[in-house]
Amino acid sequence: MTATHTDAGRVTGRGEDRPVLVEVVDATVTLGGRTVWSGVHATVRAGEFVAILGPNGVGKSTLLKAILGLVPLDRGRVSLLGRPSGRANHNIGYLPQRRSFDASLRIRGLDVVRLGLDGDRWGLPLPGRRSRAAEARVRELVRLVGADGYGHRPIGQLSGGEQQRLLIAQALARRPRLLLLDEPLDSLDLPNQAAVAALVSRICRTEDVAVMIVAHDVNPILPSLDRVIYLGRGGAVSGTPGEVITGETLSRLYRTPVEVLTTSDGRLVVVGQPEAPAHHSDRHT
C-alpha cells in the first residue's frame, strides 16, 4: 500500500508554525507475513484534530499502536516530539477500542479516572499533598468532561456515553499533549456519538491537546477536523478533509469508481465500494 501525501492547509486556518508532535515518514508495517500498510506519510501538529479513516482491516488501529511503539516498523520511521516511537509516551493519552464494563462492577467513575493518575502503582493512595493534588485533578477532569452528575456512581451502572466520557477523562489525567482515541464513538447511539464528538473537539481546542481519532463514520467529527489520514487498500492519503474525501482520491484508494455525495444537512455519503467508511447505516436501530 503506497501513500500519497497531500499534507497541506488546515480547516481552521491556524498557523503551520505550531510544533510537530507526530511525524510518520515512509512507514511500513507487516503483521503475520501480510503488509498492513506501506509508504505512509503523515504529520500532526500541536492542537490539531486528525481523523484516521478507512474500511475494516486496513490497519487504522495499527497506526495508533505504531505511534505508541507497540508495533514495529519494517521500514520508515515514526516519531513523537522528535523522538522515536515509544520513547515519549508520557506525552500521550491513549483510549483503546471500547471496553465493556460488567453491570455488577462497583468501582466508581471517579476511581476509573483516578487510575489514569496512579493506576500503575501498587496499593492504596497515601494521604498527603500528592493525594490531595490527585483528588483535585480528578474533580477537574470530571468537570471537564461533564460527568459531575454521575462520576460518583458505579461505572457498570452508567450508559455507554457516560462511560466513554469518564474514560476520556482518564486518558487526559496526566496532561498529555497528544490524545489517541480508537473508535470512541463505536457502539454509541447517534445522540451520544454527537455528544462525545463535541466533547473531544472542545478538549482539543480548549486544552490545546492534539487528537488522533480512529473513526468508522466521519460525519459526527467532520465539522471539527483539521486533517484526515485515509487508509485504503490502494494506498494512503493525508490532507484536509476537502482534499482527501473526494471521489477522485477515494477512487484511487479503492481502485474502483467511488462517488462522494453531500446531503442537504451537510453529511457525506460515500458510494461505489463495498463498505462506505464516511457514512454507515444506523446500526443501533
Protein backbone atom coordinates (compact mmCIF):
# COMPACT_ATOMS: atom_id res chain seq x y z
CA MET A 1 0.00 0.00 0.00
CA THR A 2 1.74 3.15 -1.17
CA ALA A 3 0.83 6.54 0.25
CA THR A 4 0.23 9.83 -1.49
CA HIS A 5 0.97 12.79 0.77
CA THR A 6 -1.09 15.96 0.31
CA ASP A 7 -0.33 17.38 3.75
CA ALA A 8 -1.31 20.98 3.05
CA GLY A 9 -3.57 23.56 4.67
CA ARG A 10 -5.85 23.47 7.68
CA VAL A 11 -9.58 23.79 8.05
CA THR A 12 -9.29 26.16 10.99
CA GLY A 13 -6.69 28.41 9.38
CA ARG A 14 -4.41 28.30 12.42
CA GLY A 15 -0.72 28.68 11.57
CA GLU A 16 1.55 25.93 10.32
CA ASP A 17 4.18 27.26 12.72
CA ARG A 18 2.80 25.09 15.52
CA PRO A 19 5.27 22.40 16.62
CA VAL A 20 5.09 18.97 15.01
CA LEU A 21 4.05 16.31 17.53
CA VAL A 22 3.82 13.24 15.30
CA GLU A 23 5.74 12.59 12.10
CA VAL A 24 5.22 9.44 10.04
CA VAL A 25 7.69 9.07 7.17
CA ASP A 26 7.52 6.31 4.53
CA ALA A 27 6.30 3.87 7.21
CA THR A 28 5.55 0.21 6.51
CA VAL A 29 4.13 -2.42 8.87
CA THR A 30 3.93 -6.16 8.20
CA LEU A 31 1.99 -8.48 10.51
CA GLY A 32 1.80 -12.24 10.09
CA GLY A 33 3.56 -12.02 6.76
CA ARG A 34 0.99 -9.56 5.39
CA THR A 35 1.76 -5.92 4.62
CA VAL A 36 -0.82 -3.91 6.55
CA TRP A 37 0.20 -0.57 5.02
CA SER A 38 3.31 0.84 3.40
CA GLY A 39 4.76 4.18 2.40
CA VAL A 40 2.54 6.07 4.85
CA HIS A 41 3.35 9.75 5.41
CA ALA A 42 1.53 11.99 7.89
CA THR A 43 2.18 14.96 10.17
CA VAL A 44 0.21 16.00 13.26
CA ARG A 45 0.84 19.40 14.84
CA ALA A 46 0.07 20.63 18.34
CA GLY A 47 -3.64 21.24 18.85
CA GLU A 48 -4.79 19.57 15.63
CA PHE A 49 -7.84 17.32 15.36
CA VAL A 50 -6.99 14.45 12.99
CA ALA A 51 -9.17 11.53 11.91
CA ILE A 52 -7.86 8.15 10.76
CA LEU A 53 -10.40 6.75 8.32
CA GLY A 54 -10.78 3.68 6.12
CA PRO A 55 -12.62 0.36 5.88
CA ASN A 56 -12.18 -2.51 8.31
CA GLY A 57 -8.90 -4.36 8.10
CA VAL A 58 -6.68 -1.63 6.63
CA GLY A 59 -4.75 -1.01 9.85
CA LYS A 60 -6.25 2.11 11.43
CA SER A 61 -5.69 0.85 14.97
CA THR A 62 -2.26 -0.44 13.93
CA LEU A 63 -1.24 3.11 13.07
CA LEU A 64 -2.02 4.25 16.63
CA LYS A 65 -0.04 1.33 18.02
CA ALA A 66 2.90 2.17 15.76
CA ILE A 67 2.90 5.71 17.19
CA LEU A 68 2.94 4.19 20.68
CA GLY A 69 5.84 1.93 19.71
CA LEU A 70 3.74 -1.20 20.30
CA VAL A 71 4.03 -2.35 16.67
CA PRO A 72 7.47 -2.34 14.99
CA LEU A 73 8.00 -0.82 11.56
CA ASP A 74 9.52 -2.77 8.70
CA ARG A 75 10.58 0.45 7.00
CA GLY A 76 10.44 4.18 7.58
CA ARG A 77 10.06 5.96 10.89
CA VAL A 78 7.51 7.30 13.33
CA SER A 79 8.50 10.00 15.81
CA LEU A 80 6.80 11.85 18.64
CA LEU A 81 8.24 15.26 19.54
CA GLY A 82 11.33 14.35 17.56
CA ARG A 83 11.93 11.13 19.48
CA PRO A 84 11.46 7.55 18.19
CA SER A 85 8.07 5.98 18.82
CA GLY A 86 7.75 4.56 22.32
CA ARG A 87 10.31 6.99 23.81
CA ALA A 88 7.93 9.84 24.69
CA ASN A 89 4.72 8.02 25.62
CA HIS A 90 4.35 10.07 28.81
CA ASN A 91 3.10 12.78 26.44
CA ILE A 92 0.32 10.51 25.11
CA GLY A 93 -3.13 9.73 26.45
CA TYR A 94 -4.48 6.53 24.89
CA LEU A 95 -8.01 5.15 24.82
CA PRO A 96 -8.08 1.73 23.10
CA GLN A 97 -11.12 0.25 21.41
CA ARG A 98 -14.12 0.33 23.67
CA ARG A 99 -14.16 -1.91 26.71
CA SER A 100 -17.47 -3.06 28.15
CA PHE A 101 -17.94 -2.88 31.90
CA ASP A 102 -19.92 -5.56 33.67
CA ALA A 103 -23.13 -4.13 35.11
CA SER A 104 -22.18 -5.52 38.52
CA LEU A 105 -18.84 -3.64 38.65
CA ARG A 106 -18.93 -1.40 41.71
CA ILE A 107 -15.86 0.78 41.09
CA ARG A 108 -16.92 4.42 40.87
CA GLY A 109 -16.44 6.56 37.81
CA LEU A 110 -14.20 8.84 39.90
CA ASP A 111 -11.96 5.89 40.69
CA VAL A 112 -11.73 4.97 37.00
CA VAL A 113 -10.49 8.49 36.28
CA ARG A 114 -8.04 8.28 39.20
CA LEU A 115 -6.46 5.19 37.62
CA GLY A 116 -5.14 7.46 34.91
CA LEU A 117 -3.00 9.20 37.53
CA ASP A 118 -1.72 6.39 39.71
CA GLY A 119 -3.12 3.15 38.31
CA ASP A 120 0.43 1.95 37.65
CA ARG A 121 1.27 1.99 41.37
CA TRP A 122 0.64 -0.74 43.90
CA GLY A 123 -1.55 -0.28 46.96
CA LEU A 124 -3.92 2.42 48.15
CA PRO A 125 -3.14 6.12 47.65
CA LEU A 126 -1.27 7.56 50.61
CA PRO A 127 -2.72 10.64 52.34
CA GLY A 128 -0.87 13.89 51.94
CA ARG A 129 -0.20 16.69 49.48
CA ARG A 130 0.19 14.37 46.49
CA SER A 131 -3.09 12.64 47.24
CA ARG A 132 -4.94 15.95 47.63
CA ALA A 133 -3.49 17.15 44.33
CA ALA A 134 -4.63 13.93 42.65
CA GLU A 135 -8.15 14.32 44.05
CA ALA A 136 -8.28 17.90 42.79
CA ARG A 137 -7.14 16.77 39.33
CA VAL A 138 -9.84 14.08 39.24
CA ARG A 139 -12.52 16.65 40.11
CA GLU A 140 -11.17 18.97 37.43
CA LEU A 141 -11.30 16.21 34.81
CA VAL A 142 -14.80 15.12 35.78
CA ARG A 143 -15.99 18.72 35.32
CA LEU A 144 -14.12 18.96 32.02
CA VAL A 145 -16.00 16.01 30.52
CA GLY A 146 -19.32 16.99 32.06
CA ALA A 147 -19.57 14.00 34.39
CA ASP A 148 -20.23 15.84 37.68
CA GLY A 149 -23.70 14.39 38.00
CA TYR A 150 -22.72 10.73 37.77
CA GLY A 151 -18.99 10.41 38.45
CA HIS A 152 -19.67 9.06 41.94
CA ARG A 153 -21.84 6.21 40.62
CA PRO A 154 -20.57 2.67 39.85
CA ILE A 155 -19.14 2.57 36.34
CA GLY A 156 -21.12 -0.57 35.48
CA GLN A 157 -24.41 1.29 36.03
CA LEU A 158 -23.65 4.12 33.61
CA SER A 159 -24.66 4.41 29.97
CA GLY A 160 -22.17 3.87 27.17
CA GLY A 161 -21.81 7.59 26.56
CA GLU A 162 -21.25 8.31 30.25
CA GLN A 163 -18.63 5.58 30.49
CA GLN A 164 -16.84 6.93 27.44
CA ARG A 165 -16.67 10.44 28.91
CA LEU A 166 -15.02 9.08 32.05
CA LEU A 167 -12.55 7.01 30.03
CA ILE A 168 -11.59 10.11 28.06
CA ALA A 169 -11.06 11.89 31.38
CA GLN A 170 -8.81 9.02 32.47
CA ALA A 171 -6.73 9.36 29.28
CA LEU A 172 -6.30 13.09 29.99
CA ALA A 173 -5.25 12.60 33.60
CA ARG A 174 -1.51 13.24 33.12
CA ARG A 175 -1.99 16.27 30.87
CA PRO A 176 -0.86 14.65 27.60
CA ARG A 177 -0.02 16.68 24.52
CA LEU A 178 -1.48 14.01 22.24
CA LEU A 179 -4.69 12.03 22.71
CA LEU A 180 -5.09 8.77 20.74
CA LEU A 181 -8.70 7.54 20.58
CA ASP A 182 -9.51 4.21 18.93
CA GLU A 183 -13.14 4.27 17.74
CA PRO A 184 -14.54 6.08 20.80
CA LEU A 185 -17.89 6.58 19.03
CA ASP A 186 -18.41 2.93 18.16
CA SER A 187 -21.35 1.18 19.89
CA LEU A 188 -22.85 4.53 20.93
CA ASP A 189 -26.28 5.67 19.74
CA LEU A 190 -26.40 8.70 17.47
CA PRO A 191 -27.09 11.34 20.17
CA ASN A 192 -24.20 10.04 22.27
CA GLN A 193 -21.95 9.95 19.20
CA ALA A 194 -22.66 13.64 18.63
CA ALA A 195 -22.16 14.50 22.31
CA VAL A 196 -18.83 12.65 22.66
CA ALA A 197 -17.60 14.07 19.34
CA ALA A 198 -18.41 17.59 20.54
CA LEU A 199 -16.62 16.89 23.83
CA VAL A 200 -13.44 15.69 22.10
CA SER A 201 -13.48 18.72 19.80
CA ARG A 202 -13.85 21.08 22.77
CA ILE A 203 -10.98 19.38 24.62
CA CYS A 204 -8.79 19.67 21.53
CA ARG A 205 -9.42 23.42 21.33
CA THR A 206 -9.57 24.49 24.98
CA GLU A 207 -6.87 22.19 26.35
CA ASP A 208 -4.64 22.54 23.25
CA VAL A 209 -4.33 18.76 23.01
CA ALA A 210 -3.76 17.21 19.59
CA VAL A 211 -6.25 14.42 18.90
CA MET A 212 -5.90 11.43 16.58
CA ILE A 213 -9.19 9.57 16.39
CA VAL A 214 -9.94 6.33 14.56
CA ALA A 215 -13.47 6.58 13.22
CA HIS A 216 -15.79 4.47 11.11
CA ASP A 217 -18.15 7.36 10.38
CA VAL A 218 -16.54 10.75 9.77
CA ASN A 219 -19.78 12.75 9.94
CA PRO A 220 -20.01 13.33 13.72
CA ILE A 221 -16.50 14.82 13.77
CA LEU A 222 -16.34 16.36 10.29
CA PRO A 223 -17.02 20.00 11.35
CA SER A 224 -14.08 19.90 13.79
CA LEU A 225 -11.45 18.16 11.68
CA ASP A 226 -8.19 19.82 10.66
CA ARG A 227 -6.74 16.83 8.84
CA VAL A 228 -7.56 13.32 7.67
CA ILE A 229 -5.35 10.25 7.25
CA TYR A 230 -7.30 7.96 4.94
CA LEU A 231 -6.10 4.36 4.62
CA GLY A 232 -7.33 2.19 1.78
CA ARG A 233 -6.25 -0.99 0.10
CA GLY A 234 -4.82 1.02 -2.78
CA GLY A 235 -2.80 3.47 -0.72
CA ALA A 236 -2.97 6.14 1.96
CA VAL A 237 -3.58 9.87 1.74
CA SER A 238 -3.07 12.65 4.28
CA GLY A 239 -4.53 16.14 3.96
CA THR A 240 -7.50 18.32 4.82
CA PRO A 241 -10.98 16.71 4.60
CA GLY A 242 -11.71 18.71 1.45
CA GLU A 243 -8.54 17.37 -0.19
CA VAL A 244 -8.95 13.76 0.86
CA ILE A 245 -12.65 12.88 0.99
CA THR A 246 -13.31 13.27 -2.73
CA GLY A 247 -14.45 10.89 -5.41
CA GLU A 248 -11.16 11.18 -7.26
CA THR A 249 -9.00 10.43 -4.21
CA LEU A 250 -11.16 7.58 -2.90
CA SER A 251 -11.47 6.03 -6.36
CA ARG A 252 -7.68 5.83 -6.40
CA LEU A 253 -7.54 4.34 -2.90
CA TYR A 254 -10.23 1.73 -3.58
CA ARG A 255 -9.18 1.11 -7.20
CA THR A 256 -12.81 1.32 -8.20
CA PRO A 257 -15.13 4.22 -9.07
CA VAL A 258 -16.29 5.99 -5.92
CA GLU A 259 -18.59 8.97 -5.59
CA VAL A 260 -18.83 11.32 -2.59
CA LEU A 261 -22.26 12.88 -2.10
CA THR A 262 -23.25 15.66 0.28
CA THR A 263 -26.73 15.51 1.79
CA SER A 264 -28.90 18.55 2.44
CA ASP A 265 -27.79 18.61 6.09
CA GLY A 266 -24.08 18.51 5.17
CA ARG A 267 -23.40 14.83 5.82
CA LEU A 268 -21.10 12.92 3.50
CA VAL A 269 -22.19 9.69 1.84
CA VAL A 270 -19.57 7.59 0.04
CA VAL A 271 -20.96 5.22 -2.59
CA GLY A 272 -19.41 2.82 -5.03
CA GLN A 273 -17.39 0.46 -2.84
CA PRO A 274 -18.43 -2.49 -0.60
CA GLU A 275 -18.09 -0.52 2.62
CA ALA A 276 -18.67 3.20 2.98
CA PRO A 277 -16.38 4.40 5.78
CA ALA A 278 -17.58 8.01 5.60
CA HIS A 279 -21.21 7.06 6.29
CA HIS A 280 -22.95 3.97 7.57
CA SER A 281 -26.47 2.91 8.33
CA ASP A 282 -27.79 3.25 11.84
CA ARG A 283 -26.51 0.07 13.47
CA HIS A 284 -28.39 0.88 16.68
CA THR A 285 -31.89 0.84 15.27
